[in-house]
PDB file of N, CA and C in Angstrom:
ATOM      1  N   UNK A   1     -63.401  41.233  30.358  1.00  0.00           N
ATOM      2  CA  UNK A   1     -62.364  40.603  30.934  1.00  0.00           C
ATOM      3  C   UNK A   1     -61.348  41.676  31.525  1.00  0.00           C
ATOM      4  N   UNK A   2     -60.886  41.383  32.772  1.00  0.00           N
ATOM      5  CA  UNK A   2     -59.991  42.315  33.397  1.00  0.00           C
ATOM      6  C   UNK A   2     -58.678  42.224  32.793  1.00  0.00           C
ATOM      7  N   UNK A   3     -57.954  43.303  32.771  1.00  0.00           N
ATOM      8  CA  UNK A   3     -56.522  43.312  32.271  1.00  0.00           C
ATOM      9  C   UNK A   3     -55.736  42.279  33.123  1.00  0.00           C
ATOM     10  N   UNK A   4     -54.836  41.665  32.350  1.00  0.00           N
ATOM     11  CA  UNK A   4     -53.856  40.778  33.124  1.00  0.00           C
ATOM     12  C   UNK A   4     -52.533  40.688  32.494  1.00  0.00           C
ATOM     13  N   UNK A   5     -51.489  40.253  33.193  1.00  0.00           N
ATOM     14  CA  UNK A   5     -50.188  40.191  32.676  1.00  0.00           C
ATOM     15  C   UNK A   5     -49.659  38.694  32.800  1.00  0.00           C
ATOM     16  N   UNK A   6     -49.253  38.179  31.825  1.00  0.00           N
ATOM     17  CA  UNK A   6     -48.773  36.837  31.786  1.00  0.00           C
ATOM     18  C   UNK A   6     -47.164  36.815  31.542  1.00  0.00           C
ATOM     19  N   UNK A   7     -46.478  36.211  32.472  1.00  0.00           N
ATOM     20  CA  UNK A   7     -45.087  36.236  32.437  1.00  0.00           C
ATOM     21  C   UNK A   7     -44.455  34.843  32.396  1.00  0.00           C
ATOM     22  N   UNK A   8     -43.560  34.638  31.486  1.00  0.00           N
ATOM     23  CA  UNK A   8     -42.896  33.438  31.244  1.00  0.00           C
ATOM     24  C   UNK A   8     -41.412  33.643  31.347  1.00  0.00           C
ATOM     25  N   UNK A   9     -40.633  32.868  32.167  1.00  0.00           N
ATOM     26  CA  UNK A   9     -39.133  32.935  32.191  1.00  0.00           C
ATOM     27  C   UNK A   9     -38.624  31.709  31.666  1.00  0.00           C
ATOM     28  N   UNK A  10     -37.784  31.742  30.566  1.00  0.00           N
ATOM     29  CA  UNK A  10     -37.238  30.525  30.035  1.00  0.00           C
ATOM     30  C   UNK A  10     -35.969  30.125  30.668  1.00  0.00           C
ATOM     31  N   UNK A  11     -35.372  28.987  30.219  1.00  0.00           N
ATOM     32  CA  UNK A  11     -34.237  28.431  30.800  1.00  0.00           C
ATOM     33  C   UNK A  11     -32.988  29.467  30.860  1.00  0.00           C
ATOM     34  N   UNK A  12     -32.907  30.324  29.856  1.00  0.00           N
ATOM     35  CA  UNK A  12     -31.884  31.272  29.831  1.00  0.00           C
ATOM     36  C   UNK A  12     -32.044  32.541  30.718  1.00  0.00           C
ATOM     37  N   UNK A  13     -33.217  32.684  31.248  1.00  0.00           N
ATOM     38  CA  UNK A  13     -33.567  33.834  32.044  1.00  0.00           C
ATOM     39  C   UNK A  13     -34.298  34.886  31.275  1.00  0.00           C
ATOM     40  N   UNK A  14     -34.549  34.682  30.017  1.00  0.00           N
ATOM     41  CA  UNK A  14     -35.333  35.598  29.138  1.00  0.00           C
ATOM     42  C   UNK A  14     -36.749  35.681  29.762  1.00  0.00           C
ATOM     43  N   UNK A  15     -37.233  36.841  29.719  1.00  0.00           N
ATOM     44  CA  UNK A  15     -38.667  37.107  30.264  1.00  0.00           C
ATOM     45  C   UNK A  15     -39.563  37.494  29.169  1.00  0.00           C
ATOM     46  N   UNK A  16     -40.622  36.794  29.093  1.00  0.00           N
ATOM     47  CA  UNK A  16     -41.727  37.116  28.197  1.00  0.00           C
ATOM     48  C   UNK A  16     -42.916  37.600  28.934  1.00  0.00           C
ATOM     49  N   UNK A  17     -43.291  38.782  28.788  1.00  0.00           N
ATOM     50  CA  UNK A  17     -44.445  39.426  29.491  1.00  0.00           C
ATOM     51  C   UNK A  17     -45.517  39.751  28.397  1.00  0.00           C
ATOM     52  N   UNK A  18     -46.697  39.278  28.567  1.00  0.00           N
ATOM     53  CA  UNK A  18     -47.818  39.549  27.657  1.00  0.00           C
ATOM     54  C   UNK A  18     -48.873  40.299  28.407  1.00  0.00           C
ATOM     55  N   UNK A  19     -49.145  41.492  27.955  1.00  0.00           N
ATOM     56  CA  UNK A  19     -50.091  42.314  28.666  1.00  0.00           C
ATOM     57  C   UNK A  19     -51.430  42.206  27.902  1.00  0.00           C
ATOM     58  N   UNK A  20     -52.372  41.597  28.601  1.00  0.00           N
ATOM     59  CA  UNK A  20     -53.635  41.344  27.895  1.00  0.00           C
ATOM     60  C   UNK A  20     -54.776  42.257  28.519  1.00  0.00           C
ATOM     61  N   UNK A  21     -55.426  42.900  27.596  1.00  0.00           N
ATOM     62  CA  UNK A  21     -56.583  43.673  28.139  1.00  0.00           C
ATOM     63  C   UNK A  21     -56.188  45.141  28.391  1.00  0.00           C
ATOM     64  N   UNK A  22     -54.975  45.531  28.088  1.00  0.00           N
ATOM     65  CA  UNK A  22     -54.492  46.936  28.233  1.00  0.00           C
ATOM     66  C   UNK A  22     -54.471  47.581  26.936  1.00  0.00           C
ATOM     67  N   UNK A  23     -54.819  48.857  26.872  1.00  0.00           N
ATOM     68  CA  UNK A  23     -54.835  49.641  25.636  1.00  0.00           C
ATOM     69  C   UNK A  23     -53.954  50.852  25.681  1.00  0.00           C
ATOM     70  N   UNK A  24     -53.216  50.963  24.542  1.00  0.00           N
ATOM     71  CA  UNK A  24     -52.457  52.156  24.345  1.00  0.00           C
ATOM     72  C   UNK A  24     -51.518  52.468  25.550  1.00  0.00           C
ATOM     73  N   UNK A  25     -51.642  53.722  26.007  1.00  0.00           N
ATOM     74  CA  UNK A  25     -50.740  54.256  27.103  1.00  0.00           C
ATOM     75  C   UNK A  25     -50.875  53.428  28.437  1.00  0.00           C
ATOM     76  N   UNK A  26     -52.051  52.771  28.673  1.00  0.00           N
ATOM     77  CA  UNK A  26     -52.225  51.999  29.861  1.00  0.00           C
ATOM     78  C   UNK A  26     -51.306  50.769  29.783  1.00  0.00           C
ATOM     79  N   UNK A  27     -51.072  50.248  28.585  1.00  0.00           N
ATOM     80  CA  UNK A  27     -50.198  49.063  28.403  1.00  0.00           C
ATOM     81  C   UNK A  27     -48.781  49.440  28.808  1.00  0.00           C
ATOM     82  N   UNK A  28     -48.378  50.618  28.186  1.00  0.00           N
ATOM     83  CA  UNK A  28     -46.992  51.134  28.422  1.00  0.00           C
ATOM     84  C   UNK A  28     -46.719  51.460  29.885  1.00  0.00           C
ATOM     85  N   UNK A  29     -47.737  51.961  30.469  1.00  0.00           N
ATOM     86  CA  UNK A  29     -47.662  52.314  31.960  1.00  0.00           C
ATOM     87  C   UNK A  29     -47.546  51.015  32.761  1.00  0.00           C
ATOM     88  N   UNK A  30     -48.364  50.091  32.414  1.00  0.00           N
ATOM     89  CA  UNK A  30     -48.264  48.717  33.215  1.00  0.00           C
ATOM     90  C   UNK A  30     -46.858  48.067  33.005  1.00  0.00           C
ATOM     91  N   UNK A  31     -46.334  48.164  31.833  1.00  0.00           N
ATOM     92  CA  UNK A  31     -45.046  47.633  31.470  1.00  0.00           C
ATOM     93  C   UNK A  31     -43.975  48.274  32.264  1.00  0.00           C
ATOM     94  N   UNK A  32     -44.076  49.704  32.374  1.00  0.00           N
ATOM     95  CA  UNK A  32     -43.004  50.410  33.281  1.00  0.00           C
ATOM     96  C   UNK A  32     -43.186  50.051  34.666  1.00  0.00           C
ATOM     97  N   UNK A  33     -44.422  49.790  35.160  1.00  0.00           N
ATOM     98  CA  UNK A  33     -44.568  49.398  36.619  1.00  0.00           C
ATOM     99  C   UNK A  33     -44.076  48.037  36.867  1.00  0.00           C
ATOM    100  N   UNK A  34     -44.217  47.079  35.917  1.00  0.00           N
ATOM    101  CA  UNK A  34     -43.705  45.831  36.116  1.00  0.00           C
ATOM    102  C   UNK A  34     -42.192  45.795  36.086  1.00  0.00           C
ATOM    103  N   UNK A  35     -41.616  46.532  35.210  1.00  0.00           N
ATOM    104  CA  UNK A  35     -40.114  46.613  35.098  1.00  0.00           C
ATOM    105  C   UNK A  35     -39.652  47.220  36.464  1.00  0.00           C
ATOM    106  N   UNK A  36     -40.271  48.239  37.065  1.00  0.00           N
ATOM    107  CA  UNK A  36     -39.763  48.871  38.287  1.00  0.00           C
ATOM    108  C   UNK A  36     -39.958  47.787  39.476  1.00  0.00           C
ATOM    109  N   UNK A  37     -41.001  47.032  39.492  1.00  0.00           N
ATOM    110  CA  UNK A  37     -41.176  46.011  40.546  1.00  0.00           C
ATOM    111  C   UNK A  37     -40.068  44.913  40.413  1.00  0.00           C
ATOM    112  N   UNK A  38     -39.864  44.549  39.173  1.00  0.00           N
ATOM    113  CA  UNK A  38     -38.767  43.425  38.922  1.00  0.00           C
ATOM    114  C   UNK A  38     -37.464  43.929  39.420  1.00  0.00           C
ATOM    115  N   UNK A  39     -37.118  45.298  39.212  1.00  0.00           N
ATOM    116  CA  UNK A  39     -35.886  45.868  39.602  1.00  0.00           C
ATOM    117  C   UNK A  39     -35.723  45.708  41.190  1.00  0.00           C
ATOM    118  N   UNK A  40     -36.842  45.912  41.871  1.00  0.00           N
ATOM    119  CA  UNK A  40     -36.778  45.833  43.326  1.00  0.00           C
ATOM    120  C   UNK A  40     -36.378  44.447  43.733  1.00  0.00           C
ATOM    121  N   UNK A  41     -36.513  43.470  42.928  1.00  0.00           N
ATOM    122  CA  UNK A  41     -36.238  42.034  43.262  1.00  0.00           C
ATOM    123  C   UNK A  41     -34.892  41.675  42.602  1.00  0.00           C
ATOM    124  N   UNK A  42     -34.172  42.692  42.093  1.00  0.00           N
ATOM    125  CA  UNK A  42     -32.789  42.448  41.490  1.00  0.00           C
ATOM    126  C   UNK A  42     -32.842  42.053  40.125  1.00  0.00           C
ATOM    127  N   UNK A  43     -34.001  42.108  39.431  1.00  0.00           N
ATOM    128  CA  UNK A  43     -34.066  41.660  37.951  1.00  0.00           C
ATOM    129  C   UNK A  43     -33.848  42.912  37.062  1.00  0.00           C
ATOM    130  N   UNK A  44     -32.730  42.992  36.480  1.00  0.00           N
ATOM    131  CA  UNK A  44     -32.430  44.111  35.664  1.00  0.00           C
ATOM    132  C   UNK A  44     -32.632  43.788  34.156  1.00  0.00           C
ATOM    133  N   UNK A  45     -33.203  44.689  33.492  1.00  0.00           N
ATOM    134  CA  UNK A  45     -33.552  44.456  31.999  1.00  0.00           C
ATOM    135  C   UNK A  45     -32.527  45.178  31.213  1.00  0.00           C
ATOM    136  N   UNK A  46     -31.788  44.289  30.383  1.00  0.00           N
ATOM    137  CA  UNK A  46     -30.749  44.955  29.520  1.00  0.00           C
ATOM    138  C   UNK A  46     -31.275  45.217  28.073  1.00  0.00           C
ATOM    139  N   UNK A  47     -32.263  44.453  27.708  1.00  0.00           N
ATOM    140  CA  UNK A  47     -32.747  44.655  26.294  1.00  0.00           C
ATOM    141  C   UNK A  47     -34.250  44.529  26.362  1.00  0.00           C
ATOM    142  N   UNK A  48     -34.954  45.492  25.746  1.00  0.00           N
ATOM    143  CA  UNK A  48     -36.381  45.444  25.690  1.00  0.00           C
ATOM    144  C   UNK A  48     -36.924  45.564  24.324  1.00  0.00           C
ATOM    145  N   UNK A  49     -37.830  44.738  23.981  1.00  0.00           N
ATOM    146  CA  UNK A  49     -38.439  44.643  22.730  1.00  0.00           C
ATOM    147  C   UNK A  49     -39.931  44.628  22.915  1.00  0.00           C
ATOM    148  N   UNK A  50     -40.638  45.745  22.581  1.00  0.00           N
ATOM    149  CA  UNK A  50     -42.120  45.722  22.691  1.00  0.00           C
ATOM    150  C   UNK A  50     -42.766  45.538  21.370  1.00  0.00           C
ATOM    151  N   UNK A  51     -43.718  44.656  21.386  1.00  0.00           N
ATOM    152  CA  UNK A  51     -44.472  44.333  20.197  1.00  0.00           C
ATOM    153  C   UNK A  51     -45.989  44.594  20.571  1.00  0.00           C
ATOM    154  N   UNK A  52     -46.528  45.636  19.931  1.00  0.00           N
ATOM    155  CA  UNK A  52     -47.915  45.963  20.034  1.00  0.00           C
ATOM    156  C   UNK A  52     -48.832  44.986  19.321  1.00  0.00           C
ATOM    157  N   UNK A  53     -49.888  44.598  19.997  1.00  0.00           N
ATOM    158  CA  UNK A  53     -50.841  43.691  19.506  1.00  0.00           C
ATOM    159  C   UNK A  53     -52.028  44.458  18.823  1.00  0.00           C
ATOM    160  N   UNK A  54     -52.583  43.843  17.831  1.00  0.00           N
ATOM    161  CA  UNK A  54     -53.832  44.326  17.272  1.00  0.00           C
ATOM    162  C   UNK A  54     -54.948  43.985  18.268  1.00  0.00           C
ATOM    163  N   UNK A  55     -56.112  44.667  18.197  1.00  0.00           N
ATOM    164  CA  UNK A  55     -57.205  44.447  19.127  1.00  0.00           C
ATOM    165  C   UNK A  55     -57.736  43.021  18.944  1.00  0.00           C
ATOM    166  N   UNK A  56     -57.699  42.458  17.731  1.00  0.00           N
ATOM    167  CA  UNK A  56     -58.255  41.146  17.482  1.00  0.00           C
ATOM    168  C   UNK A  56     -57.254  40.011  17.626  1.00  0.00           C
ATOM    169  N   UNK A  57     -56.019  40.252  18.027  1.00  0.00           N
ATOM    170  CA  UNK A  57     -55.025  39.384  17.993  1.00  0.00           C
ATOM    171  C   UNK A  57     -55.047  38.637  19.454  1.00  0.00           C
ATOM    172  N   UNK A  58     -54.913  37.247  19.456  1.00  0.00           N
ATOM    173  CA  UNK A  58     -54.990  36.564  20.756  1.00  0.00           C
ATOM    174  C   UNK A  58     -53.618  36.559  21.315  1.00  0.00           C
ATOM    175  N   UNK A  59     -53.679  36.367  22.655  1.00  0.00           N
ATOM    176  CA  UNK A  59     -52.433  36.226  23.443  1.00  0.00           C
ATOM    177  C   UNK A  59     -51.526  35.050  22.979  1.00  0.00           C
ATOM    178  N   UNK A  60     -52.205  33.926  22.718  1.00  0.00           N
ATOM    179  CA  UNK A  60     -51.525  32.721  22.216  1.00  0.00           C
ATOM    180  C   UNK A  60     -50.830  32.939  20.949  1.00  0.00           C
ATOM    181  N   UNK A  61     -51.470  33.654  20.079  1.00  0.00           N
ATOM    182  CA  UNK A  61     -50.892  34.078  18.712  1.00  0.00           C
ATOM    183  C   UNK A  61     -49.655  34.714  18.895  1.00  0.00           C
ATOM    184  N   UNK A  62     -49.598  35.823  19.727  1.00  0.00           N
ATOM    185  CA  UNK A  62     -48.501  36.644  19.903  1.00  0.00           C
ATOM    186  C   UNK A  62     -47.345  35.954  20.668  1.00  0.00           C
ATOM    187  N   UNK A  63     -47.824  35.147  21.616  1.00  0.00           N
ATOM    188  CA  UNK A  63     -46.724  34.481  22.431  1.00  0.00           C
ATOM    189  C   UNK A  63     -45.897  33.433  21.519  1.00  0.00           C
ATOM    190  N   UNK A  64     -46.574  32.906  20.493  1.00  0.00           N
ATOM    191  CA  UNK A  64     -45.764  31.976  19.637  1.00  0.00           C
ATOM    192  C   UNK A  64     -44.926  32.756  18.657  1.00  0.00           C
ATOM    193  N   UNK A  65     -45.272  33.999  18.350  1.00  0.00           N
ATOM    194  CA  UNK A  65     -44.479  34.695  17.345  1.00  0.00           C
ATOM    195  C   UNK A  65     -43.214  35.288  17.947  1.00  0.00           C
ATOM    196  N   UNK A  66     -43.024  35.472  19.092  1.00  0.00           N
ATOM    197  CA  UNK A  66     -41.909  36.162  19.768  1.00  0.00           C
ATOM    198  C   UNK A  66     -41.081  35.262  20.668  1.00  0.00           C
ATOM    199  N   UNK A  67     -39.754  35.385  20.783  1.00  0.00           N
ATOM    200  CA  UNK A  67     -38.975  34.618  21.625  1.00  0.00           C
ATOM    201  C   UNK A  67     -38.922  35.236  23.015  1.00  0.00           C
ATOM    202  N   UNK A  68     -38.689  36.618  23.099  1.00  0.00           N
ATOM    203  CA  UNK A  68     -38.604  37.216  24.373  1.00  0.00           C
ATOM    204  C   UNK A  68     -38.882  38.677  24.301  1.00  0.00           C
ATOM    205  N   UNK A  69     -39.380  39.248  25.244  1.00  0.00           N
ATOM    206  CA  UNK A  69     -39.688  40.694  25.358  1.00  0.00           C
ATOM    207  C   UNK A  69     -38.442  41.285  26.007  1.00  0.00           C
ATOM    208  N   UNK A  70     -38.031  40.797  27.041  1.00  0.00           N
ATOM    209  CA  UNK A  70     -36.886  41.328  27.739  1.00  0.00           C
ATOM    210  C   UNK A  70     -35.782  40.320  27.872  1.00  0.00           C
ATOM    211  N   UNK A  71     -34.555  40.727  27.972  1.00  0.00           N
ATOM    212  CA  UNK A  71     -33.406  39.936  28.201  1.00  0.00           C
ATOM    213  C   UNK A  71     -32.858  40.347  29.481  1.00  0.00           C
ATOM    214  N   UNK A  72     -32.703  39.334  30.446  1.00  0.00           N
ATOM    215  CA  UNK A  72     -32.157  39.598  31.780  1.00  0.00           C
ATOM    216  C   UNK A  72     -30.688  39.757  31.752  1.00  0.00           C
ATOM    217  N   UNK A  73     -30.196  40.666  32.550  1.00  0.00           N
ATOM    218  CA  UNK A  73     -28.703  40.860  32.562  1.00  0.00           C
ATOM    219  C   UNK A  73     -28.012  39.984  33.513  1.00  0.00           C
TER     220      UNK A  73
END
């Protein structure tokens, strides 16, 4: 399966980004690239919380466990 990024924005403007299929440094690099692209559209990230997934952990499992990855300013 090709790497993908799933993004959810809740009613408060919190952004949940789930990076599926990336490993190690590739995941962190993709996250930086996404953050830079969002900044070009005026989305500034004030708080960042990264939660690394285990290889066998599903996307749905992780999405249910966390409220937000970034908090929009």
